[in-house]
Protein backbone atom coordinates (compact mmCIF):
# COMPACT_ATOMS: atom_id res chain seq x y z
CA MET A 1 15.57 -130.41 -16.82
CA GLN A 2 17.45 -128.11 -14.53
CA ILE A 3 16.03 -124.58 -15.46
CA HIS A 4 17.83 -122.57 -12.71
CA GLN A 5 20.55 -122.98 -9.85
CA PHE A 6 17.67 -124.86 -7.49
CA LEU A 7 15.15 -125.65 -9.73
CA GLU A 8 14.00 -128.36 -12.12
CA ILE A 9 11.15 -129.73 -14.12
CA ASP A 10 10.63 -133.16 -12.91
CA GLN A 11 9.53 -136.14 -14.70
CA ASN A 12 5.57 -134.99 -13.90
CA LYS A 13 6.40 -131.66 -15.73
CA LYS A 14 6.18 -129.79 -12.42
CA ILE A 15 8.87 -127.16 -11.15
CA LYS A 16 10.49 -128.27 -7.96
CA CYS A 17 13.21 -127.10 -5.45
CA LEU A 18 16.55 -129.34 -5.92
CA LYS A 19 17.43 -128.75 -2.47
CA CYS A 20 14.36 -129.99 -0.52
CA GLY A 21 12.08 -131.61 -3.32
CA HIS A 22 9.10 -128.86 -2.90
CA VAL A 23 7.02 -129.02 -5.71
CA LEU A 24 6.13 -125.20 -6.63
CA CYS A 25 3.73 -125.57 -9.44
CA ASP A 26 3.35 -126.91 -13.25
CA ALA A 27 6.05 -126.34 -15.69
CA ARG A 28 3.75 -124.02 -17.57
CA GLU A 29 3.37 -121.57 -14.86
CA ASN A 30 5.41 -118.70 -13.53
CA TYR A 31 6.89 -120.45 -10.13
CA LYS A 32 7.52 -117.06 -8.54
CA GLU A 33 3.74 -116.66 -8.22
CA TYR A 34 3.84 -119.55 -5.75
CA ALA A 35 7.29 -118.54 -3.98
CA PRO A 36 7.20 -116.29 -0.77
CA ARG A 37 8.32 -112.99 -1.96
CA ALA A 38 10.64 -110.50 0.21
CA GLU A 39 10.19 -106.76 -0.47
CA LYS A 40 13.42 -104.73 0.08
CA ASP A 41 13.96 -101.10 -0.05
CA PRO A 42 16.86 -100.38 -2.00
CA ALA A 43 18.04 -97.82 0.68
CA SER A 44 18.36 -100.45 3.26
CA LEU A 45 21.08 -102.30 1.22
CA PRO A 46 24.64 -101.82 1.46
CA GLY A 47 26.52 -99.46 -0.84
CA ILE A 48 25.68 -96.49 -2.76
CA ARG A 49 22.17 -96.53 -4.78
CA PRO A 50 20.97 -93.48 -6.87
CA THR A 51 17.86 -91.93 -5.13
CA ILE A 52 16.15 -90.81 -8.42
CA GLY A 53 13.68 -93.39 -9.87
CA MET A 54 13.99 -95.86 -6.87
CA HIS A 55 12.68 -99.16 -7.29
CA THR A 56 12.02 -102.17 -5.27
CA TYR A 57 14.05 -105.33 -4.81
CA TYR A 58 12.17 -108.60 -4.53
CA GLU A 59 13.63 -111.82 -3.37
CA TYR A 60 11.94 -114.99 -3.88
CA TYR A 61 12.33 -118.00 -1.67
CA CYS A 62 11.41 -121.58 -1.83
CA PRO A 63 8.69 -122.41 0.38
CA GLY A 64 9.80 -125.59 1.38
CA CYS A 65 13.52 -124.71 2.84
CA TYR A 66 13.70 -121.15 2.03
CA THR A 67 16.61 -121.27 -0.16
CA MET A 68 16.63 -118.05 -1.95
CA LEU A 69 15.47 -118.79 -5.61
CA ASP A 70 15.68 -115.17 -7.31
CA VAL A 71 16.36 -111.78 -6.95
CA GLU A 72 14.68 -108.96 -9.28
CA VAL A 73 14.32 -105.25 -9.56
CA ALA A 74 10.94 -103.72 -10.45
CA GLU A 75 8.43 -100.90 -9.87
CA LYS A 76 6.83 -101.30 -6.35
CA GLY A 77 3.87 -103.49 -6.54
CA ASP A 78 4.69 -104.96 -9.82
CA PRO A 79 3.61 -108.74 -10.82
CA PRO A 80 6.72 -111.17 -10.68
CA VAL A 81 8.69 -111.05 -13.78
CA TRP A 82 8.29 -114.40 -15.60
CA ASP A 83 11.75 -114.66 -16.78
CA THR A 84 12.06 -118.59 -17.18
CA GLN A 85 9.12 -119.84 -19.63
CA ILE A 86 9.55 -123.34 -21.12
CA ASP A 87 7.31 -124.21 -24.31
CA MET A 88 6.29 -127.58 -22.70
CA ASP A 89 3.97 -128.35 -25.78
CA ASN A 90 7.44 -128.66 -27.73
CA TYR A 91 9.47 -129.83 -24.90
CA VAL A 92 11.12 -133.14 -25.67
CA GLU A 93 12.84 -135.13 -22.44
CA ASP A 94 16.54 -135.71 -23.01
CA THR A 95 16.67 -139.53 -22.90
CA THR A 96 20.28 -139.97 -23.71
CA GLU A 97 21.21 -141.56 -20.40
CA LYS A 98 18.15 -143.69 -20.30
CA ILE A 99 19.05 -145.10 -23.79
CA GLN A 100 22.91 -145.52 -22.60
CA GLU A 101 21.62 -147.48 -19.53
CA LYS A 102 19.75 -149.84 -21.93
CA LEU A 103 23.11 -150.63 -23.60
C-alpha cells in the first residue's frame, strides 16, 4: 500500500522507499525517526519570511538513496511529526489484483 509519493508498506508490513527499496521501519512506527533529517533556517530559504516566531524547516531523506521524503515546519528541537499513521491491527490488504489473477 502506497502511503506517500516515495513510500509504501510492503507485504512484510514494513515501510520502504519506492525508489531504492530501502526498508526504514515497521509500519507501526514513525518512519521519520529512521530518516536523516536536515535542519534549515527559514532565513536561508528564498523568498520573504516573517521574522517573528521563526520556526525551523526539517527535511527528511531516505537513508538508502537520499530522496527527499518530506518537509515540515516545527519549533527547533521538536521531535518529528507523526503525520502518517496506519492502524495495522485493522489493516486489510487489498487482494483485488490477486483474485483477478486467479480468474
